[in-house]
Amino acid sequence: SPASSEESIEAGISNLTLQERKNTHRRSNPNVEEREKRKSNGGRSSSSSNNNGNFSTANSQNATKVEPKSGKPWKAGKQKKNFDPRFMIKEDAIILMEGNHECRDSRTTVMIKNIPNKYSQKLLLNMLDNHCIHCNEQMATLSGHQPLSSYDFVYLPIDFNNKCNVGYGFVNMTSPEAALRLYKAFHHQHWEVFNSRKICEVTYARVQGLEALKEHFK
């Protein structure tokens, strides 16, 4: 009927006007549109702009926290902790001072680190013997007086539970020059046994001298 047609037209105009008002409200209020999108997505939202113009995650519970790259600080801290310049072996500190025969650094006891755990005391003694023989043969061909390479104390701690060494040992050389030669021969060198990837390190030991070592380890 004409009356019902007019009512349908008026209802359509009313609905259209209401939709236009909603669209206008959304455009003037972006947050309203964002909330409606969140409802349609089941509460999982996107990132929205905050008051400072920076982007932040709206749903903090579902957000993944990204930590800044720290460059493995625990390893750097560990290396820094193990590094102590007091125990570094320096060549210029062992050269004889002019005018007398006293060494600037008279320490003779070294600590050998990163020893393969299967390395036995017998292997360590053979290594030291071969090193001293080689150094002394070289010095025999050189002019000038230099102390021979020799040692008088070796201690390789052993873990008796597994019958393996604990990864370090102590050697007392008979002169600072001999300690320097040992350092030059083995410091930062790969161990050529047991397919080990360990790299040898040679530093001064905390306990110095034959008598002090015997007293410390007795």
N, C-alpha and C. Protein backbone atom coordinates (compact mmCIF):
# COMPACT_ATOMS: atom_id res chain seq x y z
N SER A 1 0.84 -1.19 0.00
CA SER A 1 0.00 0.00 0.00
C SER A 1 0.87 1.23 0.00
N PRO A 2 0.33 2.43 -0.41
CA PRO A 2 1.13 3.66 -0.42
C PRO A 2 1.64 4.03 0.95
N ALA A 3 0.83 3.76 2.01
CA ALA A 3 1.27 4.11 3.38
C ALA A 3 2.48 3.30 3.79
N SER A 4 2.43 2.01 3.48
CA SER A 4 3.58 1.17 3.86
C SER A 4 4.81 1.54 3.07
N SER A 5 4.65 1.95 1.82
CA SER A 5 5.81 2.35 1.01
C SER A 5 6.47 3.59 1.58
N GLU A 6 5.61 4.53 1.98
CA GLU A 6 6.18 5.74 2.58
C GLU A 6 6.91 5.42 3.87
N GLU A 7 6.39 4.52 4.70
CA GLU A 7 7.07 4.15 5.95
C GLU A 7 8.40 3.48 5.68
N SER A 8 8.44 2.66 4.62
CA SER A 8 9.71 1.98 4.28
C SER A 8 10.75 2.99 3.84
N ILE A 9 10.31 3.98 3.04
CA ILE A 9 11.25 5.01 2.57
C ILE A 9 11.78 5.82 3.74
N GLU A 10 10.85 6.19 4.69
CA GLU A 10 11.29 6.97 5.85
C GLU A 10 12.24 6.17 6.72
N ALA A 11 11.98 4.87 6.88
CA ALA A 11 12.88 4.02 7.69
C ALA A 11 14.25 3.91 7.05
N GLY A 12 14.24 3.80 5.68
CA GLY A 12 15.52 3.73 4.98
C GLY A 12 16.31 5.00 5.13
N ILE A 13 15.62 6.16 5.02
CA ILE A 13 16.31 7.45 5.20
C ILE A 13 16.85 7.57 6.60
N SER A 14 16.04 7.11 7.60
CA SER A 14 16.47 7.18 9.00
C SER A 14 17.70 6.31 9.23
N ASN A 15 17.69 5.08 8.65
CA ASN A 15 18.85 4.18 8.81
C ASN A 15 20.09 4.76 8.14
N LEU A 16 19.89 5.38 6.97
CA LEU A 16 21.03 5.97 6.26
C LEU A 16 21.62 7.13 7.04
N THR A 17 20.74 7.93 7.62
CA THR A 17 21.22 9.06 8.43
C THR A 17 22.00 8.55 9.64
N LEU A 18 21.51 7.49 10.29
CA LEU A 18 22.20 6.91 11.44
C LEU A 18 23.57 6.36 11.04
N GLN A 19 23.66 5.70 9.86
CA GLN A 19 24.94 5.16 9.40
C GLN A 19 25.93 6.27 9.12
N GLU A 20 25.45 7.38 8.52
CA GLU A 20 26.34 8.52 8.25
C GLU A 20 26.87 9.11 9.53
N ARG A 21 26.00 9.18 10.56
CA ARG A 21 26.46 9.71 11.85
C ARG A 21 27.55 8.81 12.46
N LYS A 22 27.35 7.47 12.31
CA LYS A 22 28.35 6.55 12.84
C LYS A 22 29.68 6.71 12.10
N ASN A 23 29.61 6.83 10.77
CA ASN A 23 30.84 7.00 9.99
C ASN A 23 31.56 8.29 10.37
N THR A 24 30.78 9.35 10.54
CA THR A 24 31.37 10.64 10.94
C THR A 24 32.03 10.53 12.30
N HIS A 25 31.37 9.79 13.21
CA HIS A 25 31.92 9.62 14.57
C HIS A 25 33.22 8.81 14.52
N ARG A 26 33.28 7.80 13.66
CA ARG A 26 34.50 7.00 13.53
C ARG A 26 35.66 7.84 13.00
N ARG A 27 35.36 8.65 11.97
CA ARG A 27 36.43 9.45 11.38
C ARG A 27 36.98 10.47 12.37
N SER A 28 36.11 11.03 13.19
CA SER A 28 36.55 12.03 14.16
C SER A 28 37.16 11.38 15.40
N ASN A 29 36.92 10.07 15.62
CA ASN A 29 37.46 9.35 16.78
C ASN A 29 38.09 8.04 16.30
N PRO A 30 39.38 8.05 15.93
CA PRO A 30 40.02 6.82 15.42
C PRO A 30 40.00 5.68 16.42
N ASN A 31 39.99 6.01 17.71
CA ASN A 31 40.02 4.96 18.72
C ASN A 31 38.74 4.11 18.69
N VAL A 32 37.64 4.74 18.27
CA VAL A 32 36.38 4.00 18.19
C VAL A 32 36.48 2.93 17.13
N GLU A 33 37.05 3.30 15.99
CA GLU A 33 37.23 2.33 14.91
C GLU A 33 38.17 1.21 15.32
N GLU A 34 39.21 1.57 16.08
CA GLU A 34 40.16 0.57 16.53
C GLU A 34 39.51 -0.41 17.50
N ARG A 35 38.64 0.12 18.39
CA ARG A 35 37.96 -0.75 19.35
C ARG A 35 37.01 -1.71 18.63
N GLU A 36 36.35 -1.21 17.58
CA GLU A 36 35.45 -2.08 16.85
C GLU A 36 36.22 -3.17 16.11
N LYS A 37 37.41 -2.83 15.59
CA LYS A 37 38.24 -3.85 14.95
C LYS A 37 38.68 -4.90 15.95
N ARG A 38 39.01 -4.46 17.16
CA ARG A 38 39.43 -5.42 18.18
C ARG A 38 38.29 -6.37 18.53
N LYS A 39 37.06 -5.82 18.61
CA LYS A 39 35.93 -6.68 18.91
C LYS A 39 35.71 -7.71 17.81
N SER A 40 35.86 -7.25 16.56
CA SER A 40 35.66 -8.18 15.44
C SER A 40 36.76 -9.22 15.37
N ASN A 41 37.97 -8.91 15.91
CA ASN A 41 39.10 -9.86 15.90
C ASN A 41 39.17 -10.67 17.18
N GLY A 42 38.17 -10.58 18.01
CA GLY A 42 38.15 -11.36 19.24
C GLY A 42 39.08 -10.82 20.30
N GLY A 43 39.32 -9.51 20.31
CA GLY A 43 40.16 -8.91 21.35
C GLY A 43 41.62 -8.86 21.01
N ARG A 44 42.06 -9.52 19.90
CA ARG A 44 43.46 -9.49 19.50
C ARG A 44 43.67 -8.29 18.61
N SER A 45 44.45 -7.40 19.07
CA SER A 45 44.57 -6.17 18.33
C SER A 45 45.96 -5.96 17.80
N SER A 46 46.06 -4.95 17.16
CA SER A 46 47.22 -4.44 16.47
C SER A 46 47.91 -3.42 17.32
N SER A 47 48.85 -2.75 16.75
CA SER A 47 49.50 -1.67 17.45
C SER A 47 48.82 -0.37 17.16
N SER A 48 48.63 0.43 18.18
CA SER A 48 47.97 1.72 18.03
C SER A 48 48.89 2.83 18.45
N SER A 49 48.55 4.01 18.05
CA SER A 49 49.40 5.15 18.34
C SER A 49 49.04 5.72 19.68
N ASN A 50 50.06 6.00 20.52
CA ASN A 50 49.80 6.60 21.81
C ASN A 50 49.87 8.12 21.71
N ASN A 51 49.77 8.78 22.86
CA ASN A 51 49.72 10.24 22.86
C ASN A 51 50.99 10.87 22.36
N ASN A 52 52.12 10.17 22.49
CA ASN A 52 53.39 10.74 22.06
C ASN A 52 53.69 10.46 20.61
N GLY A 53 52.78 9.80 19.92
CA GLY A 53 53.00 9.51 18.52
C GLY A 53 53.84 8.27 18.31
N ASN A 54 54.21 7.56 19.39
CA ASN A 54 54.99 6.33 19.27
C ASN A 54 54.06 5.14 19.21
N PHE A 55 54.51 4.07 18.57
CA PHE A 55 53.68 2.88 18.45
C PHE A 55 53.93 1.96 19.63
N SER A 56 52.88 1.47 20.20
CA SER A 56 52.98 0.53 21.33
C SER A 56 51.94 -0.55 21.13
N THR A 57 52.18 -1.71 21.73
CA THR A 57 51.26 -2.83 21.59
C THR A 57 50.08 -2.63 22.53
N ALA A 58 48.87 -2.73 21.98
CA ALA A 58 47.68 -2.48 22.78
C ALA A 58 47.45 -3.60 23.77
N ASN A 59 47.62 -4.85 23.37
CA ASN A 59 47.38 -5.99 24.24
C ASN A 59 48.71 -6.42 24.84
N SER A 60 49.04 -5.97 26.05
CA SER A 60 50.35 -6.24 26.64
C SER A 60 50.52 -7.69 27.02
N GLN A 61 49.44 -8.42 27.28
CA GLN A 61 49.56 -9.81 27.66
C GLN A 61 50.03 -10.67 26.51
N ASN A 62 49.60 -10.31 25.29
CA ASN A 62 50.00 -11.08 24.13
C ASN A 62 51.27 -10.56 23.48
N ALA A 63 51.81 -9.46 24.02
CA ALA A 63 52.99 -8.85 23.41
C ALA A 63 54.23 -9.68 23.73
N THR A 64 55.13 -9.75 22.80
CA THR A 64 56.39 -10.45 23.00
C THR A 64 57.45 -9.44 23.40
N LYS A 65 58.05 -9.65 24.56
CA LYS A 65 59.06 -8.73 25.05
C LYS A 65 60.38 -9.00 24.35
N VAL A 66 60.93 -7.96 23.74
CA VAL A 66 62.18 -8.08 23.01
C VAL A 66 63.28 -7.42 23.81
N GLU A 67 64.24 -8.21 24.25
CA GLU A 67 65.37 -7.68 25.01
C GLU A 67 66.43 -7.16 24.06
N PRO A 68 67.10 -6.05 24.39
CA PRO A 68 68.17 -5.56 23.52
C PRO A 68 69.34 -6.52 23.50
N LYS A 69 70.00 -6.58 22.37
CA LYS A 69 71.17 -7.45 22.23
C LYS A 69 72.29 -6.96 23.13
N SER A 70 72.80 -7.85 23.92
CA SER A 70 73.81 -7.46 24.90
C SER A 70 75.20 -7.95 24.54
N GLY A 71 75.31 -8.71 23.43
CA GLY A 71 76.64 -9.20 23.06
C GLY A 71 77.20 -10.22 24.04
N LYS A 72 76.33 -11.05 24.63
CA LYS A 72 76.74 -12.09 25.56
C LYS A 72 77.57 -11.53 26.71
N PRO A 73 76.97 -10.67 27.54
CA PRO A 73 77.74 -10.03 28.60
C PRO A 73 78.28 -11.00 29.62
N TRP A 74 77.60 -12.17 29.78
CA TRP A 74 78.10 -13.12 30.79
C TRP A 74 79.47 -13.66 30.38
N LYS A 75 79.71 -13.85 29.06
CA LYS A 75 81.01 -14.34 28.62
C LYS A 75 82.06 -13.27 28.75
N ALA A 76 81.67 -12.06 28.39
CA ALA A 76 82.64 -10.96 28.52
C ALA A 76 83.01 -10.77 29.98
N GLY A 77 81.97 -10.88 30.88
CA GLY A 77 82.26 -10.73 32.30
C GLY A 77 83.15 -11.83 32.82
N LYS A 78 82.94 -13.04 32.32
CA LYS A 78 83.77 -14.16 32.75
C LYS A 78 85.21 -13.98 32.30
N GLN A 79 85.40 -13.58 31.05
CA GLN A 79 86.75 -13.36 30.57
C GLN A 79 87.43 -12.24 31.34
N LYS A 80 86.64 -11.21 31.64
CA LYS A 80 87.21 -10.10 32.37
C LYS A 80 87.61 -10.52 33.77
N LYS A 81 86.81 -11.42 34.36
CA LYS A 81 87.10 -11.88 35.71
C LYS A 81 88.38 -12.72 35.73
N ASN A 82 88.56 -13.58 34.72
CA ASN A 82 89.73 -14.45 34.68
C ASN A 82 91.00 -13.70 34.29
N PHE A 83 90.85 -12.57 33.66
CA PHE A 83 92.01 -11.82 33.20
C PHE A 83 92.54 -10.97 34.33
N ASP A 84 93.82 -11.17 34.65
CA ASP A 84 94.47 -10.37 35.69
C ASP A 84 95.85 -9.99 35.19
N PRO A 85 96.10 -8.72 34.93
CA PRO A 85 97.39 -8.31 34.37
C PRO A 85 98.58 -8.60 35.27
N ARG A 86 98.34 -8.84 36.55
CA ARG A 86 99.45 -9.14 37.45
C ARG A 86 100.14 -10.46 37.11
N PHE A 87 99.41 -11.36 36.44
CA PHE A 87 99.97 -12.67 36.14
C PHE A 87 100.37 -12.82 34.67
N MET A 88 100.32 -11.74 33.93
CA MET A 88 100.78 -11.79 32.54
C MET A 88 102.30 -11.89 32.48
N ILE A 89 102.79 -12.65 31.53
CA ILE A 89 104.23 -12.77 31.33
C ILE A 89 104.62 -11.79 30.23
N LYS A 90 105.51 -10.86 30.57
CA LYS A 90 105.93 -9.83 29.62
C LYS A 90 107.42 -9.94 29.36
N GLU A 91 107.76 -9.98 28.09
CA GLU A 91 109.16 -10.18 27.72
C GLU A 91 110.05 -9.04 28.18
N ASP A 92 109.57 -7.80 28.03
CA ASP A 92 110.42 -6.65 28.39
C ASP A 92 110.66 -6.56 29.89
N ALA A 93 109.85 -7.25 30.70
CA ALA A 93 110.05 -7.22 32.14
C ALA A 93 111.10 -8.22 32.61
N ILE A 94 111.56 -9.10 31.71
CA ILE A 94 112.52 -10.13 32.09
C ILE A 94 113.93 -9.78 31.59
N ILE A 95 114.03 -8.81 30.69
CA ILE A 95 115.35 -8.41 30.18
C ILE A 95 116.20 -7.88 31.32
N LEU A 96 117.47 -8.24 31.30
CA LEU A 96 118.37 -7.81 32.37
C LEU A 96 118.53 -6.30 32.38
N MET A 97 118.52 -5.72 33.56
CA MET A 97 118.68 -4.29 33.70
C MET A 97 120.16 -3.92 33.49
N GLU A 98 120.38 -2.75 32.90
CA GLU A 98 121.74 -2.30 32.66
C GLU A 98 122.42 -1.95 33.98
N GLY A 99 123.67 -2.35 34.11
CA GLY A 99 124.45 -2.01 35.29
C GLY A 99 124.44 -3.07 36.37
N ASN A 100 123.54 -4.02 36.31
CA ASN A 100 123.54 -5.10 37.28
C ASN A 100 122.92 -6.33 36.63
N HIS A 101 122.84 -7.43 37.37
CA HIS A 101 122.33 -8.69 36.83
C HIS A 101 121.04 -9.11 37.52
N GLU A 102 120.30 -8.13 38.00
CA GLU A 102 119.02 -8.44 38.61
C GLU A 102 117.91 -8.27 37.58
N CYS A 103 116.98 -9.19 37.58
CA CYS A 103 115.87 -9.15 36.62
C CYS A 103 114.78 -8.21 37.14
N ARG A 104 114.13 -7.56 36.24
CA ARG A 104 112.99 -6.72 36.61
C ARG A 104 111.88 -7.59 37.19
N ASP A 105 111.66 -8.74 36.58
CA ASP A 105 110.64 -9.67 37.07
C ASP A 105 111.32 -11.01 37.28
N SER A 106 111.46 -11.40 38.51
CA SER A 106 112.23 -12.61 38.84
C SER A 106 111.36 -13.84 39.04
N ARG A 107 110.09 -13.78 38.69
CA ARG A 107 109.20 -14.92 38.90
C ARG A 107 109.57 -16.07 37.95
N THR A 108 109.44 -17.27 38.48
CA THR A 108 109.82 -18.46 37.71
C THR A 108 108.72 -19.51 37.63
N THR A 109 107.69 -19.40 38.45
CA THR A 109 106.63 -20.41 38.48
C THR A 109 105.49 -19.99 37.55
N VAL A 110 105.11 -20.91 36.68
CA VAL A 110 104.04 -20.62 35.73
C VAL A 110 102.87 -21.58 35.94
N MET A 111 101.72 -21.12 35.52
CA MET A 111 100.51 -21.94 35.54
C MET A 111 100.12 -22.22 34.09
N ILE A 112 100.01 -23.48 33.74
CA ILE A 112 99.60 -23.89 32.39
C ILE A 112 98.11 -24.21 32.45
N LYS A 113 97.33 -23.50 31.65
CA LYS A 113 95.87 -23.63 31.68
C LYS A 113 95.35 -24.32 30.42
N ASN A 114 94.11 -24.75 30.52
CA ASN A 114 93.39 -25.40 29.41
C ASN A 114 94.09 -26.69 28.95
N ILE A 115 94.61 -27.44 29.89
CA ILE A 115 95.22 -28.73 29.56
C ILE A 115 94.11 -29.73 29.28
N PRO A 116 94.20 -30.52 28.20
CA PRO A 116 93.18 -31.55 27.95
C PRO A 116 93.06 -32.49 29.14
N ASN A 117 91.85 -32.82 29.51
CA ASN A 117 91.62 -33.59 30.73
C ASN A 117 92.23 -34.98 30.71
N LYS A 118 92.44 -35.54 29.53
CA LYS A 118 93.06 -36.86 29.42
C LYS A 118 94.59 -36.80 29.44
N TYR A 119 95.12 -35.59 29.48
CA TYR A 119 96.57 -35.42 29.48
C TYR A 119 97.13 -35.90 30.82
N SER A 120 98.08 -36.82 30.77
CA SER A 120 98.63 -37.39 32.00
C SER A 120 99.88 -36.61 32.43
N GLN A 121 100.32 -36.87 33.65
CA GLN A 121 101.55 -36.24 34.14
C GLN A 121 102.75 -36.69 33.32
N LYS A 122 102.73 -37.94 32.88
CA LYS A 122 103.83 -38.45 32.06
C LYS A 122 103.93 -37.68 30.74
N LEU A 123 102.79 -37.41 30.12
CA LEU A 123 102.80 -36.63 28.88
C LEU A 123 103.28 -35.21 29.12
N LEU A 124 102.88 -34.64 30.25
CA LEU A 124 103.31 -33.28 30.57
C LEU A 124 104.83 -33.23 30.79
N LEU A 125 105.38 -34.23 31.48
CA LEU A 125 106.82 -34.27 31.71
C LEU A 125 107.58 -34.46 30.39
N ASN A 126 107.06 -35.30 29.51
CA ASN A 126 107.70 -35.48 28.20
C ASN A 126 107.69 -34.18 27.41
N MET A 127 106.58 -33.46 27.48
CA MET A 127 106.48 -32.18 26.78
C MET A 127 107.51 -31.19 27.30
N LEU A 128 107.64 -31.11 28.62
CA LEU A 128 108.61 -30.19 29.21
C LEU A 128 110.05 -30.60 28.90
N ASP A 129 110.33 -31.90 28.95
CA ASP A 129 111.68 -32.37 28.64
C ASP A 129 112.06 -32.03 27.20
N ASN A 130 111.18 -32.31 26.28
CA ASN A 130 111.46 -32.03 24.87
C ASN A 130 111.64 -30.54 24.63
N HIS A 131 110.83 -29.74 25.32
CA HIS A 131 110.96 -28.29 25.18
C HIS A 131 112.32 -27.80 25.68
N CYS A 132 112.74 -28.28 26.85
CA CYS A 132 114.02 -27.84 27.42
C CYS A 132 115.19 -28.29 26.55
N ILE A 133 115.14 -29.53 26.05
CA ILE A 133 116.22 -30.03 25.19
C ILE A 133 116.33 -29.17 23.93
N HIS A 134 115.18 -28.87 23.34
CA HIS A 134 115.18 -28.07 22.11
C HIS A 134 115.73 -26.67 22.36
N CYS A 135 115.31 -26.03 23.44
CA CYS A 135 115.80 -24.67 23.75
C CYS A 135 117.30 -24.68 24.02
N ASN A 136 117.79 -25.65 24.78
CA ASN A 136 119.21 -25.69 25.12
C ASN A 136 120.08 -25.99 23.91
N GLU A 137 119.58 -26.79 22.98
CA GLU A 137 120.33 -27.03 21.74
C GLU A 137 120.43 -25.75 20.91
N GLN A 138 119.38 -24.96 20.90
CA GLN A 138 119.42 -23.69 20.17
C GLN A 138 120.38 -22.71 20.82
N MET A 139 120.39 -22.64 22.15
CA MET A 139 121.27 -21.70 22.84
C MET A 139 122.73 -22.08 22.68
N ALA A 140 123.01 -23.35 22.46
CA ALA A 140 124.40 -23.78 22.29
C ALA A 140 125.02 -23.18 21.03
N THR A 141 124.19 -22.81 20.08
CA THR A 141 124.70 -22.24 18.83
C THR A 141 124.76 -20.72 18.88
N LEU A 142 124.29 -20.13 19.96
CA LEU A 142 124.27 -18.67 20.07
C LEU A 142 125.41 -18.19 20.96
N SER A 143 125.89 -16.99 20.65
CA SER A 143 126.93 -16.38 21.49
C SER A 143 126.29 -15.71 22.70
N GLY A 144 127.05 -15.56 23.75
CA GLY A 144 126.54 -14.94 24.97
C GLY A 144 126.07 -15.98 25.96
N HIS A 145 126.00 -15.55 27.21
CA HIS A 145 125.61 -16.45 28.29
C HIS A 145 124.13 -16.31 28.57
N GLN A 146 123.42 -17.39 28.50
CA GLN A 146 122.00 -17.43 28.83
C GLN A 146 121.74 -18.64 29.72
N PRO A 147 120.92 -18.49 30.76
CA PRO A 147 120.60 -19.64 31.61
C PRO A 147 119.91 -20.74 30.80
N LEU A 148 120.25 -21.98 31.11
CA LEU A 148 119.63 -23.11 30.42
C LEU A 148 118.16 -23.24 30.81
N SER A 149 117.39 -23.86 29.95
CA SER A 149 115.99 -24.14 30.26
C SER A 149 115.90 -25.46 31.03
N SER A 150 115.38 -25.38 32.24
CA SER A 150 115.17 -26.58 33.06
C SER A 150 114.09 -26.26 34.09
N TYR A 151 113.58 -27.29 34.72
CA TYR A 151 112.53 -27.11 35.73
C TYR A 151 112.83 -28.02 36.91
N ASP A 152 112.29 -27.65 38.08
CA ASP A 152 112.52 -28.46 39.28
C ASP A 152 111.24 -28.79 40.03
N PHE A 153 110.10 -28.42 39.47
CA PHE A 153 108.83 -28.73 40.15
C PHE A 153 107.73 -28.81 39.11
N VAL A 154 106.92 -29.87 39.19
CA VAL A 154 105.74 -30.03 38.33
C VAL A 154 104.61 -30.59 39.18
N TYR A 155 103.45 -29.97 39.07
CA TYR A 155 102.27 -30.48 39.79
C TYR A 155 101.07 -30.39 38.85
N LEU A 156 100.47 -31.56 38.57
CA LEU A 156 99.28 -31.64 37.75
C LEU A 156 98.16 -32.22 38.60
N PRO A 157 97.26 -31.40 39.12
CA PRO A 157 96.17 -31.90 39.97
C PRO A 157 95.30 -32.91 39.22
N ILE A 158 94.93 -33.98 39.92
CA ILE A 158 94.12 -35.05 39.33
C ILE A 158 92.81 -35.20 40.10
N ASP A 159 91.73 -35.37 39.36
CA ASP A 159 90.44 -35.70 39.95
C ASP A 159 90.37 -37.22 40.07
N PHE A 160 90.43 -37.73 41.28
CA PHE A 160 90.52 -39.17 41.48
C PHE A 160 89.20 -39.89 41.22
N ASN A 161 88.14 -39.13 41.06
CA ASN A 161 86.85 -39.76 40.72
C ASN A 161 86.84 -40.26 39.29
N ASN A 162 87.41 -39.46 38.39
CA ASN A 162 87.43 -39.87 36.98
C ASN A 162 88.83 -40.12 36.44
N LYS A 163 89.84 -40.02 37.32
CA LYS A 163 91.23 -40.29 36.95
C LYS A 163 91.75 -39.33 35.86
N CYS A 164 91.19 -38.12 35.80
CA CYS A 164 91.62 -37.12 34.80
C CYS A 164 92.14 -35.88 35.51
N ASN A 165 92.98 -35.13 34.81
CA ASN A 165 93.44 -33.88 35.41
C ASN A 165 92.32 -32.84 35.39
N VAL A 166 92.50 -31.79 36.15
CA VAL A 166 91.44 -30.78 36.30
C VAL A 166 91.59 -29.62 35.34
N GLY A 167 92.54 -29.70 34.40
CA GLY A 167 92.64 -28.70 33.35
C GLY A 167 93.74 -27.68 33.51
N TYR A 168 94.54 -27.80 34.57
CA TYR A 168 95.66 -26.86 34.74
C TYR A 168 96.77 -27.53 35.53
N GLY A 169 97.95 -26.95 35.45
CA GLY A 169 99.09 -27.49 36.18
C GLY A 169 100.09 -26.38 36.49
N PHE A 170 101.05 -26.70 37.36
CA PHE A 170 102.05 -25.71 37.79
C PHE A 170 103.45 -26.25 37.50
N VAL A 171 104.30 -25.36 36.99
CA VAL A 171 105.68 -25.73 36.68
C VAL A 171 106.58 -24.61 37.20
N ASN A 172 107.64 -24.99 37.90
CA ASN A 172 108.62 -24.00 38.33
C ASN A 172 109.88 -24.16 37.48
N MET A 173 110.16 -23.15 36.66
CA MET A 173 111.39 -23.13 35.87
C MET A 173 112.53 -22.61 36.74
N THR A 174 113.75 -22.89 36.35
CA THR A 174 114.90 -22.54 37.19
C THR A 174 115.41 -21.13 36.95
N SER A 175 114.81 -20.40 36.03
CA SER A 175 115.21 -19.01 35.78
C SER A 175 114.06 -18.27 35.12
N PRO A 176 114.02 -16.93 35.27
CA PRO A 176 112.98 -16.16 34.58
C PRO A 176 113.06 -16.31 33.06
N GLU A 177 114.31 -16.43 32.54
CA GLU A 177 114.47 -16.59 31.09
C GLU A 177 113.86 -17.91 30.61
N ALA A 178 114.03 -18.95 31.40
CA ALA A 178 113.44 -20.25 31.05
C ALA A 178 111.91 -20.18 31.09
N ALA A 179 111.37 -19.43 32.03
CA ALA A 179 109.92 -19.25 32.10
C ALA A 179 109.42 -18.52 30.86
N LEU A 180 110.19 -17.52 30.40
CA LEU A 180 109.81 -16.78 29.20
C LEU A 180 109.83 -17.68 27.97
N ARG A 181 110.83 -18.55 27.86
CA ARG A 181 110.90 -19.47 26.71
C ARG A 181 109.70 -20.43 26.70
N LEU A 182 109.33 -20.91 27.88
CA LEU A 182 108.17 -21.79 27.97
C LEU A 182 106.90 -21.05 27.53
N TYR A 183 106.79 -19.82 27.96
CA TYR A 183 105.64 -18.99 27.57
C TYR A 183 105.58 -18.81 26.05
N LYS A 184 106.72 -18.49 25.45
CA LYS A 184 106.75 -18.27 24.00
C LYS A 184 106.43 -19.54 23.22
N ALA A 185 106.82 -20.67 23.77
CA ALA A 185 106.63 -21.93 23.05
C ALA A 185 105.20 -22.44 23.10
N PHE A 186 104.47 -22.17 24.19
CA PHE A 186 103.17 -22.83 24.37
C PHE A 186 101.98 -21.90 24.52
N HIS A 187 102.20 -20.63 24.83
CA HIS A 187 101.07 -19.74 25.06
C HIS A 187 100.27 -19.54 23.77
N HIS A 188 98.96 -19.73 23.87
CA HIS A 188 98.02 -19.60 22.75
C HIS A 188 98.29 -20.60 21.62
N GLN A 189 98.81 -21.76 21.98
CA GLN A 189 99.03 -22.83 21.02
C GLN A 189 97.98 -23.94 21.22
N HIS A 190 97.62 -24.59 20.12
CA HIS A 190 96.68 -25.71 20.20
C HIS A 190 97.39 -26.96 20.72
N TRP A 191 96.64 -27.73 21.50
CA TRP A 191 97.17 -29.01 21.95
C TRP A 191 97.01 -30.03 20.82
N GLU A 192 98.09 -30.68 20.46
CA GLU A 192 98.07 -31.63 19.34
C GLU A 192 97.83 -33.06 19.82
N VAL A 193 96.91 -33.22 20.73
CA VAL A 193 96.59 -34.55 21.28
C VAL A 193 95.08 -34.67 21.49
N PHE A 194 94.58 -35.88 21.41
CA PHE A 194 93.19 -36.22 21.73
C PHE A 194 92.17 -35.40 20.93
N ASN A 195 92.58 -34.86 19.79
CA ASN A 195 91.69 -34.02 18.98
C ASN A 195 91.08 -32.88 19.80
N SER A 196 91.88 -32.37 20.73
CA SER A 196 91.39 -31.33 21.63
C SER A 196 91.31 -29.98 20.90
N ARG A 197 90.26 -29.25 21.22
CA ARG A 197 90.11 -27.89 20.69
C ARG A 197 90.57 -26.82 21.67
N LYS A 198 91.09 -27.25 22.80
CA LYS A 198 91.55 -26.29 23.80
C LYS A 198 92.81 -25.57 23.33
N ILE A 199 92.95 -24.34 23.80
CA ILE A 199 94.13 -23.53 23.47
C ILE A 199 94.90 -23.27 24.76
N CYS A 200 96.17 -23.61 24.74
CA CYS A 200 97.00 -23.50 25.94
C CYS A 200 97.21 -22.03 26.33
N GLU A 201 97.21 -21.80 27.62
CA GLU A 201 97.53 -20.48 28.16
C GLU A 201 98.60 -20.65 29.24
N VAL A 202 99.57 -19.75 29.22
CA VAL A 202 100.65 -19.79 30.21
C VAL A 202 100.71 -18.44 30.90
N THR A 203 100.58 -18.44 32.21
CA THR A 203 100.65 -17.21 33.01
C THR A 203 101.53 -17.46 34.23
N TYR A 204 101.86 -16.41 34.93
CA TYR A 204 102.54 -16.59 36.20
C TYR A 204 101.58 -17.18 37.23
N ALA A 205 102.09 -18.01 38.10
CA ALA A 205 101.29 -18.59 39.18
C ALA A 205 101.25 -17.62 40.35
N ARG A 206 100.25 -17.80 41.18
CA ARG A 206 100.15 -16.95 42.37
C ARG A 206 101.25 -17.30 43.38
N VAL A 207 101.48 -18.59 43.59
CA VAL A 207 102.54 -19.05 44.50
C VAL A 207 103.83 -19.16 43.69
N GLN A 208 104.90 -18.53 44.16
CA GLN A 208 106.15 -18.47 43.41
C GLN A 208 107.31 -19.11 44.17
N GLY A 209 108.15 -19.85 43.43
CA GLY A 209 109.36 -20.41 44.01
C GLY A 209 109.20 -21.85 44.48
N LEU A 210 110.31 -22.60 44.40
CA LEU A 210 110.26 -24.02 44.74
C LEU A 210 109.83 -24.27 46.17
N GLU A 211 110.41 -23.56 47.12
CA GLU A 211 110.11 -23.80 48.53
C GLU A 211 108.66 -23.43 48.85
N ALA A 212 108.20 -22.33 48.30
CA ALA A 212 106.81 -21.92 48.54
C ALA A 212 105.84 -22.92 47.95
N LEU A 213 106.18 -23.49 46.80
CA LEU A 213 105.32 -24.49 46.17
C LEU A 213 105.26 -25.77 47.00
N LYS A 214 106.40 -26.21 47.47
CA LYS A 214 106.41 -27.43 48.29
C LYS A 214 105.63 -27.24 49.57
N GLU A 215 105.71 -26.07 50.14
CA GLU A 215 104.98 -25.78 51.36
C GLU A 215 103.47 -25.70 51.08
N HIS A 216 103.12 -25.14 49.92
CA HIS A 216 101.71 -24.94 49.59
C HIS A 216 101.03 -26.26 49.25
N PHE A 217 101.73 -27.15 48.55
CA PHE A 217 101.10 -28.38 48.05
C PHE A 217 101.45 -29.63 48.86
N LYS A 218 102.12 -29.46 49.99
CA LYS A 218 102.52 -30.65 50.74
C LYS A 218 101.30 -31.31 51.39
